[in-house]
Amino acid sequence: MDIIDSRVRKCNDINIIIDKKMRERRIEYDKYIIPLSESNPFESDEFVKILRKSDFEKIGNMLKSKTEREQLKKEINDLTILLETQRNYIASLESSLNNESKDKNKTILFKD
């Protein structure tokens, strides 16, 4: 996306209409134009969308917050995976401790 800085200019456009009786009627109205430099990246007859600076900044902030949210979601997923692995590890340790205590009880039973 190419960005060009330019200020909006106000121009007066005057149309002169001559009717059948050779009366002259002038119609004036204001036009707002955006002058571009000669090195503009646009081609002739190309349609261009224009955004206000404040709207452009809002879009930038929205994109920034979206990327931050995606990054936070990724971190949450990583933390949940880490938590699940730790839970599985603790469960395996508890089961191995239970198995060892059962084996000790068996050996004690055989000694009597």
PDB file of N, CA and C in Angstrom:
ATOM      1  N   MET A   1       0.852  -1.167   0.000  1.00  0.00           N
ATOM      2  CA  MET A   1       0.000   0.000   0.000  1.00  0.00           C
ATOM      3  C   MET A   1       0.898   1.229   0.000  1.00  0.00           C
ATOM      4  N   ASP A   2       0.670   2.089  -0.958  1.00  0.00           N
ATOM      5  CA  ASP A   2       1.440   3.322  -1.065  1.00  0.00           C
ATOM      6  C   ASP A   2       0.700   4.443  -0.361  1.00  0.00           C
ATOM      7  N   ILE A   3       1.459   5.252   0.342  1.00  0.00           N
ATOM      8  CA  ILE A   3       0.876   6.373   1.074  1.00  0.00           C
ATOM      9  C   ILE A   3       1.520   7.654   0.565  1.00  0.00           C
ATOM     10  N   ILE A   4       0.686   8.609   0.262  1.00  0.00           N
ATOM     11  CA  ILE A   4       1.170   9.902  -0.204  1.00  0.00           C
ATOM     12  C   ILE A   4       0.592  10.974   0.701  1.00  0.00           C
ATOM     13  N   ASP A   5       1.442  11.857   1.165  1.00  0.00           N
ATOM     14  CA  ASP A   5       0.975  12.966   1.993  1.00  0.00           C
ATOM     15  C   ASP A   5       0.633  14.147   1.090  1.00  0.00           C
ATOM     16  N   SER A   6      -0.560  14.636   1.255  1.00  0.00           N
ATOM     17  CA  SER A   6      -1.003  15.795   0.495  1.00  0.00           C
ATOM     18  C   SER A   6      -2.138  16.453   1.255  1.00  0.00           C
ATOM     19  N   ARG A   7      -2.263  17.754   1.111  1.00  0.00           N
ATOM     20  CA  ARG A   7      -3.339  18.478   1.788  1.00  0.00           C
ATOM     21  C   ARG A   7      -4.503  18.690   0.823  1.00  0.00           C
ATOM     22  N   VAL A   8      -5.688  18.705   1.385  1.00  0.00           N
ATOM     23  CA  VAL A   8      -6.880  18.967   0.581  1.00  0.00           C
ATOM     24  C   VAL A   8      -6.928  20.462   0.285  1.00  0.00           C
ATOM     25  N   ARG A   9      -7.171  20.797  -0.971  1.00  0.00           N
ATOM     26  CA  ARG A   9      -7.247  22.201  -1.386  1.00  0.00           C
ATOM     27  C   ARG A   9      -8.669  22.513  -1.844  1.00  0.00           C
ATOM     28  N   LYS A  10      -9.057  23.752  -1.611  1.00  0.00           N
ATOM     29  CA  LYS A  10     -10.382  24.196  -2.034  1.00  0.00           C
ATOM     30  C   LYS A  10     -10.223  25.020  -3.311  1.00  0.00           C
ATOM     31  N   CYS A  11     -11.016  24.671  -4.317  1.00  0.00           N
ATOM     32  CA  CYS A  11     -10.978  25.392  -5.586  1.00  0.00           C
ATOM     33  C   CYS A  11     -12.388  25.846  -5.936  1.00  0.00           C
ATOM     34  N   ASN A  12     -12.465  26.975  -6.600  1.00  0.00           N
ATOM     35  CA  ASN A  12     -13.762  27.455  -7.089  1.00  0.00           C
ATOM     36  C   ASN A  12     -13.886  27.061  -8.551  1.00  0.00           C
ATOM     37  N   ASP A  13     -14.983  26.417  -8.870  1.00  0.00           N
ATOM     38  CA  ASP A  13     -15.233  26.027 -10.252  1.00  0.00           C
ATOM     39  C   ASP A  13     -16.391  26.875 -10.767  1.00  0.00           C
ATOM     40  N   ILE A  14     -16.188  27.501 -11.911  1.00  0.00           N
ATOM     41  CA  ILE A  14     -17.210  28.383 -12.480  1.00  0.00           C
ATOM     42  C   ILE A  14     -17.644  27.807 -13.820  1.00  0.00           C
ATOM     43  N   ASN A  15     -18.927  27.562 -13.936  1.00  0.00           N
ATOM     44  CA  ASN A  15     -19.497  27.118 -15.213  1.00  0.00           C
ATOM     45  C   ASN A  15     -20.357  28.245 -15.773  1.00  0.00           C
ATOM     46  N   ILE A  16     -20.160  28.507 -17.039  1.00  0.00           N
ATOM     47  CA  ILE A  16     -20.943  29.547 -17.707  1.00  0.00           C
ATOM     48  C   ILE A  16     -21.889  28.854 -18.680  1.00  0.00           C
ATOM     49  N   ILE A  17     -23.169  29.133 -18.515  1.00  0.00           N
ATOM     50  CA  ILE A  17     -24.181  28.535 -19.376  1.00  0.00           C
ATOM     51  C   ILE A  17     -24.833  29.655 -20.181  1.00  0.00           C
ATOM     52  N   ILE A  18     -24.901  29.452 -21.486  1.00  0.00           N
ATOM     53  CA  ILE A  18     -25.533  30.439 -22.368  1.00  0.00           C
ATOM     54  C   ILE A  18     -26.784  29.786 -22.948  1.00  0.00           C
ATOM     55  N   ASP A  19     -27.915  30.433 -22.750  1.00  0.00           N
ATOM     56  CA  ASP A  19     -29.172  29.861 -23.248  1.00  0.00           C
ATOM     57  C   ASP A  19     -29.468  30.358 -24.664  1.00  0.00           C
ATOM     58  N   LYS A  20     -30.653  30.042 -25.166  1.00  0.00           N
ATOM     59  CA  LYS A  20     -31.022  30.381 -26.546  1.00  0.00           C
ATOM     60  C   LYS A  20     -31.084  31.881 -26.792  1.00  0.00           C
ATOM     61  N   LYS A  21     -31.431  32.612 -25.784  1.00  0.00           N
ATOM     62  CA  LYS A  21     -31.545  34.067 -25.930  1.00  0.00           C
ATOM     63  C   LYS A  21     -30.226  34.767 -25.650  1.00  0.00           C
ATOM     64  N   MET A  22     -29.189  33.985 -25.607  1.00  0.00           N
ATOM     65  CA  MET A  22     -27.831  34.486 -25.392  1.00  0.00           C
ATOM     66  C   MET A  22     -27.651  35.143 -24.031  1.00  0.00           C
ATOM     67  N   ARG A  23     -28.411  34.662 -23.078  1.00  0.00           N
ATOM     68  CA  ARG A  23     -28.204  35.123 -21.710  1.00  0.00           C
ATOM     69  C   ARG A  23     -27.128  34.242 -21.081  1.00  0.00           C
ATOM     70  N   GLU A  24     -26.376  34.889 -20.297  1.00  0.00           N
ATOM     71  CA  GLU A  24     -25.263  34.186 -19.661  1.00  0.00           C
ATOM     72  C   GLU A  24     -25.590  33.931 -18.193  1.00  0.00           C
ATOM     73  N   ARG A  25     -25.409  32.716 -17.788  1.00  0.00           N
ATOM     74  CA  ARG A  25     -25.647  32.355 -16.391  1.00  0.00           C
ATOM     75  C   ARG A  25     -24.368  31.692 -15.859  1.00  0.00           C
ATOM     76  N   ARG A  26     -23.943  32.207 -14.727  1.00  0.00           N
ATOM     77  CA  ARG A  26     -22.733  31.662 -14.095  1.00  0.00           C
ATOM     78  C   ARG A  26     -23.128  30.823 -12.885  1.00  0.00           C
ATOM     79  N   ILE A  27     -22.530  29.661 -12.813  1.00  0.00           N
ATOM     80  CA  ILE A  27     -22.743  28.786 -11.657  1.00  0.00           C
ATOM     81  C   ILE A  27     -21.380  28.544 -11.019  1.00  0.00           C
ATOM     82  N   GLU A  28     -21.283  28.950  -9.769  1.00  0.00           N
ATOM     83  CA  GLU A  28     -20.035  28.756  -9.032  1.00  0.00           C
ATOM     84  C   GLU A  28     -20.247  27.714  -7.944  1.00  0.00           C
ATOM     85  N   TYR A  29     -19.294  26.848  -7.815  1.00  0.00           N
ATOM     86  CA  TYR A  29     -19.338  25.905  -6.699  1.00  0.00           C
ATOM     87  C   TYR A  29     -17.913  25.540  -6.301  1.00  0.00           C
ATOM     88  N   ASP A  30     -17.808  25.109  -5.074  1.00  0.00           N
ATOM     89  CA  ASP A  30     -16.499  24.772  -4.513  1.00  0.00           C
ATOM     90  C   ASP A  30     -16.185  23.307  -4.777  1.00  0.00           C
ATOM     91  N   LYS A  31     -14.940  23.075  -5.120  1.00  0.00           N
ATOM     92  CA  LYS A  31     -14.443  21.718  -5.289  1.00  0.00           C
ATOM     93  C   LYS A  31     -13.296  21.530  -4.312  1.00  0.00           C
ATOM     94  N   TYR A  32     -13.207  20.339  -3.808  1.00  0.00           N
ATOM     95  CA  TYR A  32     -12.090  20.009  -2.931  1.00  0.00           C
ATOM     96  C   TYR A  32     -11.232  18.985  -3.653  1.00  0.00           C
ATOM     97  N   ILE A  33      -9.983  19.334  -3.845  1.00  0.00           N
ATOM     98  CA  ILE A  33      -9.093  18.453  -4.597  1.00  0.00           C
ATOM     99  C   ILE A  33      -7.893  18.083  -3.737  1.00  0.00           C
ATOM    100  N   ILE A  34      -7.239  17.018  -4.147  1.00  0.00           N
ATOM    101  CA  ILE A  34      -6.011  16.579  -3.492  1.00  0.00           C
ATOM    102  C   ILE A  34      -4.913  16.598  -4.551  1.00  0.00           C
ATOM    103  N   PRO A  35      -4.084  17.619  -4.544  1.00  0.00           N
ATOM    104  CA  PRO A  35      -3.019  17.674  -5.545  1.00  0.00           C
ATOM    105  C   PRO A  35      -1.933  16.642  -5.235  1.00  0.00           C
ATOM    106  N   LEU A  36      -1.438  16.025  -6.286  1.00  0.00           N
ATOM    107  CA  LEU A  36      -0.387  15.023  -6.144  1.00  0.00           C
ATOM    108  C   LEU A  36       0.867  15.514  -6.838  1.00  0.00           C
ATOM    109  N   SER A  37       1.973  14.986  -6.428  1.00  0.00           N
ATOM    110  CA  SER A  37       3.223  15.349  -7.086  1.00  0.00           C
ATOM    111  C   SER A  37       3.330  14.584  -8.406  1.00  0.00           C
ATOM    112  N   GLU A  38       4.296  14.950  -9.209  1.00  0.00           N
ATOM    113  CA  GLU A  38       4.451  14.277 -10.497  1.00  0.00           C
ATOM    114  C   GLU A  38       4.928  12.842 -10.335  1.00  0.00           C
ATOM    115  N   SER A  39       5.532  12.547  -9.230  1.00  0.00           N
ATOM    116  CA  SER A  39       6.029  11.184  -9.003  1.00  0.00           C
ATOM    117  C   SER A  39       5.023  10.354  -8.214  1.00  0.00           C
ATOM    118  N   ASN A  40       3.753  10.582  -8.464  1.00  0.00           N
ATOM    119  CA  ASN A  40       2.743   9.820  -7.722  1.00  0.00           C
ATOM    120  C   ASN A  40       2.695   8.379  -8.235  1.00  0.00           C
ATOM    121  N   PRO A  41       2.288   7.447  -7.388  1.00  0.00           N
ATOM    122  CA  PRO A  41       2.300   6.027  -7.784  1.00  0.00           C
ATOM    123  C   PRO A  41       1.041   5.592  -8.522  1.00  0.00           C
ATOM    124  N   PHE A  42       0.163   6.528  -8.850  1.00  0.00           N
ATOM    125  CA  PHE A  42      -1.106   6.163  -9.464  1.00  0.00           C
ATOM    126  C   PHE A  42      -1.022   6.288 -10.978  1.00  0.00           C
ATOM    127  N   GLU A  43      -1.847   5.512 -11.624  1.00  0.00           N
ATOM    128  CA  GLU A  43      -1.939   5.585 -13.077  1.00  0.00           C
ATOM    129  C   GLU A  43      -3.189   6.379 -13.441  1.00  0.00           C
ATOM    130  N   SER A  44      -3.271   6.797 -14.689  1.00  0.00           N
ATOM    131  CA  SER A  44      -4.447   7.575 -15.088  1.00  0.00           C
ATOM    132  C   SER A  44      -5.690   6.690 -15.086  1.00  0.00           C
ATOM    133  N   ASP A  45      -6.803   7.262 -14.738  1.00  0.00           N
ATOM    134  CA  ASP A  45      -8.107   6.586 -14.645  1.00  0.00           C
ATOM    135  C   ASP A  45      -8.132   5.493 -13.582  1.00  0.00           C
ATOM    136  N   GLU A  46      -7.256   5.575 -12.637  1.00  0.00           N
ATOM    137  CA  GLU A  46      -7.238   4.591 -11.546  1.00  0.00           C
ATOM    138  C   GLU A  46      -8.122   5.105 -10.414  1.00  0.00           C
ATOM    139  N   PHE A  47      -8.932   4.213  -9.849  1.00  0.00           N
ATOM    140  CA  PHE A  47      -9.775   4.593  -8.720  1.00  0.00           C
ATOM    141  C   PHE A  47      -8.958   4.506  -7.437  1.00  0.00           C
ATOM    142  N   VAL A  48      -9.104   5.524  -6.613  1.00  0.00           N
ATOM    143  CA  VAL A  48      -8.331   5.616  -5.380  1.00  0.00           C
ATOM    144  C   VAL A  48      -9.293   5.870  -4.231  1.00  0.00           C
ATOM    145  N   LYS A  49      -9.080   5.186  -3.120  1.00  0.00           N
ATOM    146  CA  LYS A  49      -9.877   5.440  -1.924  1.00  0.00           C
ATOM    147  C   LYS A  49      -9.080   6.364  -1.016  1.00  0.00           C
ATOM    148  N   ILE A  50      -9.771   7.315  -0.441  1.00  0.00           N
ATOM    149  CA  ILE A  50      -9.114   8.313   0.396  1.00  0.00           C
ATOM    150  C   ILE A  50      -9.602   8.144   1.824  1.00  0.00           C
ATOM    151  N   LEU A  51      -8.662   8.108   2.755  1.00  0.00           N
ATOM    152  CA  LEU A  51      -8.980   8.006   4.180  1.00  0.00           C
ATOM    153  C   LEU A  51      -8.507   9.259   4.887  1.00  0.00           C
ATOM    154  N   ARG A  52      -9.256   9.645   5.883  1.00  0.00           N
ATOM    155  CA  ARG A  52      -8.775  10.719   6.751  1.00  0.00           C
ATOM    156  C   ARG A  52      -7.636  10.176   7.594  1.00  0.00           C
ATOM    157  N   LYS A  53      -6.801  11.076   8.042  1.00  0.00           N
ATOM    158  CA  LYS A  53      -5.659  10.665   8.852  1.00  0.00           C
ATOM    159  C   LYS A  53      -6.129   9.990  10.130  1.00  0.00           C
ATOM    160  N   SER A  54      -7.172  10.505  10.754  1.00  0.00           N
ATOM    161  CA  SER A  54      -7.670   9.914  12.002  1.00  0.00           C
ATOM    162  C   SER A  54      -8.206   8.503  11.756  1.00  0.00           C
ATOM    163  N   ASP A  55      -8.913   8.303  10.629  1.00  0.00           N
ATOM    164  CA  ASP A  55      -9.416   6.966  10.305  1.00  0.00           C
ATOM    165  C   ASP A  55      -8.267   6.000  10.030  1.00  0.00           C
ATOM    166  N   PHE A  56      -7.244   6.489   9.340  1.00  0.00           N
ATOM    167  CA  PHE A  56      -6.076   5.658   9.052  1.00  0.00           C
ATOM    168  C   PHE A  56      -5.387   5.240  10.347  1.00  0.00           C
ATOM    169  N   GLU A  57      -5.279   6.175  11.293  1.00  0.00           N
ATOM    170  CA  GLU A  57      -4.673   5.850  12.587  1.00  0.00           C
ATOM    171  C   GLU A  57      -5.532   4.856  13.356  1.00  0.00           C
ATOM    172  N   LYS A  58      -6.866   4.983  13.264  1.00  0.00           N
ATOM    173  CA  LYS A  58      -7.755   4.023  13.928  1.00  0.00           C
ATOM    174  C   LYS A  58      -7.545   2.622  13.373  1.00  0.00           C
ATOM    175  N   ILE A  59      -7.424   2.529  12.053  1.00  0.00           N
ATOM    176  CA  ILE A  59      -7.191   1.219  11.434  1.00  0.00           C
ATOM    177  C   ILE A  59      -5.857   0.650  11.901  1.00  0.00           C
ATOM    178  N   GLY A  60      -4.840   1.494  11.968  1.00  0.00           N
ATOM    179  CA  GLY A  60      -3.538   1.034  12.452  1.00  0.00           C
ATOM    180  C   GLY A  60      -3.611   0.535  13.882  1.00  0.00           C
ATOM    181  N   ASN A  61      -4.330   1.263  14.742  1.00  0.00           N
ATOM    182  CA  ASN A  61      -4.474   0.836  16.138  1.00  0.00           C
ATOM    183  C   ASN A  61      -5.250  -0.466  16.239  1.00  0.00           C
ATOM    184  N   MET A  62      -6.281  -0.626  15.394  1.00  0.00           N
ATOM    185  CA  MET A  62      -7.050  -1.869  15.409  1.00  0.00           C
ATOM    186  C   MET A  62      -6.182  -3.050  14.993  1.00  0.00           C
ATOM    187  N   LEU A  63      -5.365  -2.857  13.962  1.00  0.00           N
ATOM    188  CA  LEU A  63      -4.483  -3.938  13.523  1.00  0.00           C
ATOM    189  C   LEU A  63      -3.455  -4.275  14.593  1.00  0.00           C
ATOM    190  N   LYS A  64      -2.943  -3.241  15.261  1.00  0.00           N
ATOM    191  CA  LYS A  64      -1.973  -3.473  16.321  1.00  0.00           C
ATOM    192  C   LYS A  64      -2.604  -4.248  17.469  1.00  0.00           C
ATOM    193  N   SER A  65      -3.818  -3.857  17.866  1.00  0.00           N
ATOM    194  CA  SER A  65      -4.484  -4.565  18.963  1.00  0.00           C
ATOM    195  C   SER A  65      -4.843  -5.990  18.547  1.00  0.00           C
ATOM    196  N   LYS A  66      -5.172  -6.185  17.270  1.00  0.00           N
ATOM    197  CA  LYS A  66      -5.485  -7.536  16.786  1.00  0.00           C
ATOM    198  C   LYS A  66      -4.254  -8.432  16.870  1.00  0.00           C
ATOM    199  N   THR A  67      -3.102  -7.915  16.462  1.00  0.00           N
ATOM    200  CA  THR A  67      -1.885  -8.724  16.545  1.00  0.00           C
ATOM    201  C   THR A  67      -1.521  -8.996  17.999  1.00  0.00           C
ATOM    202  N   GLU A  68      -1.739  -8.005  18.874  1.00  0.00           N
ATOM    203  CA  GLU A  68      -1.467  -8.229  20.296  1.00  0.00           C
ATOM    204  C   GLU A  68      -2.391  -9.301  20.863  1.00  0.00           C
ATOM    205  N   ARG A  69      -3.672  -9.273  20.461  1.00  0.00           N
ATOM    206  CA  ARG A  69      -4.617 -10.297  20.927  1.00  0.00           C
ATOM    207  C   ARG A  69      -4.217 -11.677  20.431  1.00  0.00           C
ATOM    208  N   GLU A  70      -3.795 -11.766  19.162  1.00  0.00           N
ATOM    209  CA  GLU A  70      -3.363 -13.057  18.628  1.00  0.00           C
ATOM    210  C   GLU A  70      -2.125 -13.559  19.364  1.00  0.00           C
ATOM    211  N   GLN A  71      -1.218 -12.652  19.691  1.00  0.00           N
ATOM    212  CA  GLN A  71      -0.018 -13.040  20.425  1.00  0.00           C
ATOM    213  C   GLN A  71      -0.393 -13.519  21.825  1.00  0.00           C
ATOM    214  N   LEU A  72      -1.330 -12.836  22.479  1.00  0.00           N
ATOM    215  CA  LEU A  72      -1.775 -13.267  23.804  1.00  0.00           C
ATOM    216  C   LEU A  72      -2.462 -14.625  23.741  1.00  0.00           C
ATOM    217  N   LYS A  73      -3.266 -14.859  22.705  1.00  0.00           N
ATOM    218  CA  LYS A  73      -3.908 -16.164  22.546  1.00  0.00           C
ATOM    219  C   LYS A  73      -2.866 -17.262  22.381  1.00  0.00           C
ATOM    220  N   LYS A  74      -1.821 -16.982  21.612  1.00  0.00           N
ATOM    221  CA  LYS A  74      -0.753 -17.963  21.415  1.00  0.00           C
ATOM    222  C   LYS A  74      -0.058 -18.254  22.742  1.00  0.00           C
ATOM    223  N   GLU A  75       0.225 -17.210  23.514  1.00  0.00           N
ATOM    224  CA  GLU A  75       0.864 -17.411  24.817  1.00  0.00           C
ATOM    225  C   GLU A  75      -0.039 -18.214  25.749  1.00  0.00           C
ATOM    226  N   ILE A  76      -1.346 -17.951  25.720  1.00  0.00           N
ATOM    227  CA  ILE A  76      -2.289 -18.706  26.556  1.00  0.00           C
ATOM    228  C   ILE A  76      -2.289 -20.169  26.146  1.00  0.00           C
ATOM    229  N   ASN A  77      -2.282 -20.436  24.841  1.00  0.00           N
ATOM    230  CA  ASN A  77      -2.237 -21.823  24.375  1.00  0.00           C
ATOM    231  C   ASN A  77      -0.954 -22.511  24.824  1.00  0.00           C
ATOM    232  N   ASP A  78       0.175 -21.807  24.730  1.00  0.00           N
ATOM    233  CA  ASP A  78       1.443 -22.384  25.182  1.00  0.00           C
ATOM    234  C   ASP A  78       1.404 -22.690  26.675  1.00  0.00           C
ATOM    235  N   LEU A  79       0.835 -21.772  27.454  1.00  0.00           N
ATOM    236  CA  LEU A  79       0.754 -21.991  28.900  1.00  0.00           C
ATOM    237  C   LEU A  79      -0.183 -23.138  29.247  1.00  0.00           C
ATOM    238  N   THR A  80      -1.296 -23.288  28.518  1.00  0.00           N
ATOM    239  CA  THR A  80      -2.204 -24.412  28.794  1.00  0.00           C
ATOM    240  C   THR A  80      -1.535 -25.733  28.450  1.00  0.00           C
ATOM    241  N   ILE A  81      -0.757 -25.769  27.366  1.00  0.00           N
ATOM    242  CA  ILE A  81      -0.025 -26.995  27.020  1.00  0.00           C
ATOM    243  C   ILE A  81       0.990 -27.315  28.104  1.00  0.00           C
ATOM    244  N   LEU A  82       1.708 -26.305  28.587  1.00  0.00           N
ATOM    245  CA  LEU A  82       2.677 -26.515  29.659  1.00  0.00           C
ATOM    246  C   LEU A  82       1.987 -27.007  30.919  1.00  0.00           C
ATOM    247  N   LEU A  83       0.852 -26.431  31.256  1.00  0.00           N
ATOM    248  CA  LEU A  83       0.099 -26.843  32.439  1.00  0.00           C
ATOM    249  C   LEU A  83      -0.377 -28.285  32.308  1.00  0.00           C
ATOM    250  N   GLU A  84      -0.856 -28.667  31.138  1.00  0.00           N
ATOM    251  CA  GLU A  84      -1.306 -30.043  30.919  1.00  0.00           C
ATOM    252  C   GLU A  84      -0.152 -31.028  31.055  1.00  0.00           C
ATOM    253  N   THR A  85       1.014 -30.678  30.515  1.00  0.00           N
ATOM    254  CA  THR A  85       2.161 -31.587  30.638  1.00  0.00           C
ATOM    255  C   THR A  85       2.582 -31.718  32.095  1.00  0.00           C
ATOM    256  N   GLN A  86       2.537 -30.620  32.838  1.00  0.00           N
ATOM    257  CA  GLN A  86       2.882 -30.698  34.262  1.00  0.00           C
ATOM    258  C   GLN A  86       1.867 -31.531  35.022  1.00  0.00           C
ATOM    259  N   ARG A  87       0.589 -31.392  34.699  1.00  0.00           N
ATOM    260  CA  ARG A  87      -0.436 -32.217  35.353  1.00  0.00           C
ATOM    261  C   ARG A  87      -0.212 -33.691  35.053  1.00  0.00           C
ATOM    262  N   ASN A  88       0.097 -33.997  33.796  1.00  0.00           N
ATOM    263  CA  ASN A  88       0.359 -35.391  33.431  1.00  0.00           C
ATOM    264  C   ASN A  88       1.588 -35.926  34.155  1.00  0.00           C
ATOM    265  N   TYR A  89       2.620 -35.110  34.280  1.00  0.00           N
ATOM    266  CA  TYR A  89       3.834 -35.530  34.971  1.00  0.00           C
ATOM    267  C   TYR A  89       3.546 -35.788  36.447  1.00  0.00           C
ATOM    268  N   ILE A  90       2.775 -34.886  37.069  1.00  0.00           N
ATOM    269  CA  ILE A  90       2.419 -35.065  38.486  1.00  0.00           C
ATOM    270  C   ILE A  90       1.573 -36.315  38.659  1.00  0.00           C
ATOM    271  N   ALA A  91       0.638 -36.542  37.754  1.00  0.00           N
ATOM    272  CA  ALA A  91      -0.204 -37.742  37.840  1.00  0.00           C
ATOM    273  C   ALA A  91       0.635 -38.998  37.695  1.00  0.00           C
ATOM    274  N   SER A  92       1.610 -38.991  36.801  1.00  0.00           N
ATOM    275  CA  SER A  92       2.467 -40.173  36.641  1.00  0.00           C
ATOM    276  C   SER A  92       3.330 -40.387  37.879  1.00  0.00           C
ATOM    277  N   LEU A  93       3.816 -39.306  38.497  1.00  0.00           N
ATOM    278  CA  LEU A  93       4.596 -39.449  39.733  1.00  0.00           C
ATOM    279  C   LEU A  93       3.736 -40.019  40.853  1.00  0.00           C
ATOM    280  N   GLU A  94       2.510 -39.524  40.973  1.00  0.00           N
ATOM    281  CA  GLU A  94       1.615 -40.031  42.014  1.00  0.00           C
ATOM    282  C   GLU A  94       1.302 -41.504  41.801  1.00  0.00           C
ATOM    283  N   SER A  95       1.073 -41.884  40.556  1.00  0.00           N
ATOM    284  CA  SER A  95       0.775 -43.298  40.296  1.00  0.00           C
ATOM    285  C   SER A  95       1.992 -44.167  40.571  1.00  0.00           C
ATOM    286  N   SER A  96       3.184 -43.678  40.236  1.00  0.00           N
ATOM    287  CA  SER A  96       4.384 -44.477  40.519  1.00  0.00           C
ATOM    288  C   SER A  96       4.622 -44.566  42.024  1.00  0.00           C
ATOM    289  N   LEU A  97       4.336 -43.500  42.776  1.00  0.00           N
ATOM    290  CA  LEU A  97       4.476 -43.555  44.230  1.00  0.00           C
ATOM    291  C   LEU A  97       3.462 -44.519  44.834  1.00  0.00           C
ATOM    292  N   ASN A  98       2.257 -44.526  44.312  1.00  0.00           N
ATOM    293  CA  ASN A  98       1.242 -45.464  44.791  1.00  0.00           C
ATOM    294  C   ASN A  98       1.651 -46.899  44.500  1.00  0.00           C
ATOM    295  N   ASN A  99       2.229 -47.143  43.335  1.00  0.00           N
ATOM    296  CA  ASN A  99       2.686 -48.490  42.989  1.00  0.00           C
ATOM    297  C   ASN A  99       3.820 -48.931  43.906  1.00  0.00           C
ATOM    298  N   GLU A 100       4.741 -48.019  44.212  1.00  0.00           N
ATOM    299  CA  GLU A 100       5.852 -48.357  45.108  1.00  0.00           C
ATOM    300  C   GLU A 100       5.353 -48.650  46.516  1.00  0.00           C
ATOM    301  N   SER A 101       4.391 -47.887  47.003  1.00  0.00           N
ATOM    302  CA  SER A 101       3.868 -48.126  48.352  1.00  0.00           C
ATOM    303  C   SER A 101       3.117 -49.453  48.404  1.00  0.00           C
ATOM    304  N   LYS A 102       2.424 -49.819  47.338  1.00  0.00           N
ATOM    305  CA  LYS A 102       1.750 -51.113  47.294  1.00  0.00           C
ATOM    306  C   LYS A 102       2.770 -52.244  47.303  1.00  0.00           C
ATOM    307  N   ASP A 103       3.873 -52.051  46.574  1.00  0.00           N
ATOM    308  CA  ASP A 103       4.918 -53.074  46.554  1.00  0.00           C
ATOM    309  C   ASP A 103       5.546 -53.228  47.934  1.00  0.00           C
ATOM    310  N   LYS A 104       5.745 -52.130  48.653  1.00  0.00           N
ATOM    311  CA  LYS A 104       6.311 -52.204  50.003  1.00  0.00           C
ATOM    312  C   LYS A 104       5.355 -52.933  50.934  1.00  0.00           C
ATOM    313  N   ASN A 105       4.061 -52.653  50.799  1.00  0.00           N
ATOM    314  CA  ASN A 105       3.070 -53.350  51.623  1.00  0.00           C
ATOM    315  C   ASN A 105       3.086 -54.842  51.338  1.00  0.00           C
ATOM    316  N   LYS A 106       3.289 -55.224  50.099  1.00  0.00           N
ATOM    317  CA  LYS A 106       3.338 -56.635  49.741  1.00  0.00           C
ATOM    318  C   LYS A 106       4.559 -57.301  50.368  1.00  0.00           C
ATOM    319  N   THR A 107       5.685 -56.604  50.322  1.00  0.00           N
ATOM    320  CA  THR A 107       6.883 -57.212  50.902  1.00  0.00           C
ATOM    321  C   THR A 107       6.745 -57.352  52.404  1.00  0.00           C
ATOM    322  N   ILE A 108       6.113 -56.412  53.030  1.00  0.00           N
ATOM    323  CA  ILE A 108       5.896 -56.507  54.472  1.00  0.00           C
ATOM    324  C   ILE A 108       4.972 -57.676  54.778  1.00  0.00           C
ATOM    325  N   LEU A 109       3.968 -57.871  53.964  1.00  0.00           N
ATOM    326  CA  LEU A 109       3.053 -58.990  54.171  1.00  0.00           C
ATOM    327  C   LEU A 109       3.780 -60.319  54.027  1.00  0.00           C
ATOM    328  N   PHE A 110       4.715 -60.410  53.116  1.00  0.00           N
ATOM    329  CA  PHE A 110       5.443 -61.662  52.934  1.00  0.00           C
ATOM    330  C   PHE A 110       6.418 -61.927  54.071  1.00  0.00           C
ATOM    331  N   LYS A 111       6.945 -60.881  54.700  1.00  0.00           N
ATOM    332  CA  LYS A 111       7.898 -61.060  55.795  1.00  0.00           C
ATOM    333  C   LYS A 111       7.218 -61.643  57.024  1.00  0.00           C
ATOM    334  N   ASP A 112       5.988 -61.349  57.247  1.00  0.00           N
ATOM    335  CA  ASP A 112       5.305 -61.865  58.425  1.00  0.00           C
ATOM    336  C   ASP A 112       5.070 -63.299  58.233  1.00  0.00           C
TER     337      ASP A 112
END
